[in-house]
Amino acid sequence: MLTTLTTGIMNMVFFLSVVGLTAAISIVAVVLLMLFLITKELASASSSGFSLRIAKFASVGILPLVMVFAVIAFMKIVEVLA
């Protein structure tokens, strides 16, 4: 009986830690996406070579972060509907 209770508590703690980790990674991904988009817009507004290189560098990270954002949004919609 004690073993079953201990296993159940350990599984619950593990589940809560995974959910917390997922939420933290989601927040970091969305913040990074916002920073990359802001950086690209500000850098592309200037005409210097350095700022254009920064805008091009920021463009590389935007697509993967948009895909992560789409997955996060889809999972939140599924969570609400389920």
Protein backbone atom coordinates (compact mmCIF):
# COMPACT_ATOMS: atom_id res chain seq x y z
CA MET A 1 0.00 0.00 0.00
CA LEU A 2 2.79 2.44 0.89
CA THR A 3 4.67 1.60 -2.31
CA THR A 4 1.60 2.35 -4.44
CA LEU A 5 1.06 5.67 -2.66
CA THR A 6 4.73 6.64 -3.02
CA THR A 7 4.72 5.75 -6.72
CA GLY A 8 1.55 7.76 -7.27
CA ILE A 9 3.01 10.81 -5.54
CA MET A 10 6.24 10.52 -7.51
CA ASN A 11 4.30 10.31 -10.79
CA MET A 12 2.27 13.39 -9.85
CA VAL A 13 5.38 15.38 -8.96
CA PHE A 14 7.04 14.33 -12.22
CA PHE A 15 3.97 15.31 -14.24
CA LEU A 16 3.77 18.72 -12.57
CA SER A 17 7.46 19.35 -13.15
CA VAL A 18 7.12 18.44 -16.85
CA VAL A 19 4.11 20.75 -17.21
CA GLY A 20 6.07 23.55 -15.52
CA LEU A 21 9.05 22.96 -17.78
CA THR A 22 6.82 23.01 -20.85
CA ALA A 23 5.27 26.30 -19.78
CA ALA A 24 8.71 27.83 -19.17
CA ILE A 25 10.00 26.71 -22.57
CA SER A 26 6.85 28.07 -24.23
CA ILE A 27 7.30 31.46 -22.59
CA VAL A 28 10.96 31.60 -23.60
CA ALA A 29 10.11 30.67 -27.21
CA VAL A 30 7.44 33.38 -27.49
CA VAL A 31 9.70 36.02 -25.95
CA LEU A 32 12.52 35.07 -28.32
CA LEU A 33 10.15 35.28 -31.28
CA MET A 34 9.10 38.78 -30.24
CA LEU A 35 12.73 39.85 -29.78
CA PHE A 36 13.75 38.47 -33.17
CA LEU A 37 10.82 40.20 -34.91
CA ILE A 38 11.54 43.53 -33.20
CA THR A 39 15.25 43.27 -34.00
CA LYS A 40 14.56 42.47 -37.64
CA GLU A 41 12.16 45.39 -38.04
CA LEU A 42 14.48 47.88 -36.37
CA ALA A 43 17.54 46.66 -38.27
CA SER A 44 15.82 46.60 -41.65
CA ALA A 45 14.70 50.22 -41.19
CA SER A 46 18.28 51.39 -41.53
CA SER A 47 20.28 51.21 -44.74
CA SER A 48 23.74 50.47 -43.32
CA GLY A 49 25.44 47.20 -44.16
CA PHE A 50 25.77 46.16 -40.53
CA SER A 51 22.08 46.59 -39.77
CA LEU A 52 21.12 44.69 -42.93
CA ARG A 53 23.35 41.82 -41.79
CA ILE A 54 21.63 41.86 -38.39
CA ALA A 55 18.23 41.78 -40.12
CA LYS A 56 19.33 38.81 -42.23
CA PHE A 57 20.68 37.05 -39.12
CA ALA A 58 17.39 37.61 -37.28
CA SER A 59 15.44 36.18 -40.22
CA VAL A 60 17.15 32.81 -39.77
CA GLY A 61 15.63 32.28 -36.32
CA ILE A 62 12.15 33.58 -37.04
CA LEU A 63 10.77 30.63 -39.04
CA PRO A 64 11.57 27.93 -36.45
CA LEU A 65 10.16 30.11 -33.68
CA VAL A 66 6.99 30.75 -35.68
CA MET A 67 6.59 26.99 -36.08
CA VAL A 68 7.04 26.53 -32.31
CA PHE A 69 4.48 29.27 -31.71
CA ALA A 70 2.02 27.54 -34.05
CA VAL A 71 2.44 24.26 -32.17
CA ILE A 72 1.94 26.02 -28.82
CA ALA A 73 -1.21 27.75 -30.09
CA PHE A 74 -2.56 24.50 -31.56
CA MET A 75 -1.95 22.61 -28.31
CA LYS A 76 -3.67 25.34 -26.29
CA ILE A 77 -6.71 25.16 -28.60
CA VAL A 78 -6.81 21.37 -28.28
CA GLU A 79 -6.49 21.71 -24.50
CA VAL A 80 -9.46 24.11 -24.37
CA LEU A 81 -11.64 21.99 -26.64
CA ALA A 82 -10.86 18.70 -24.90
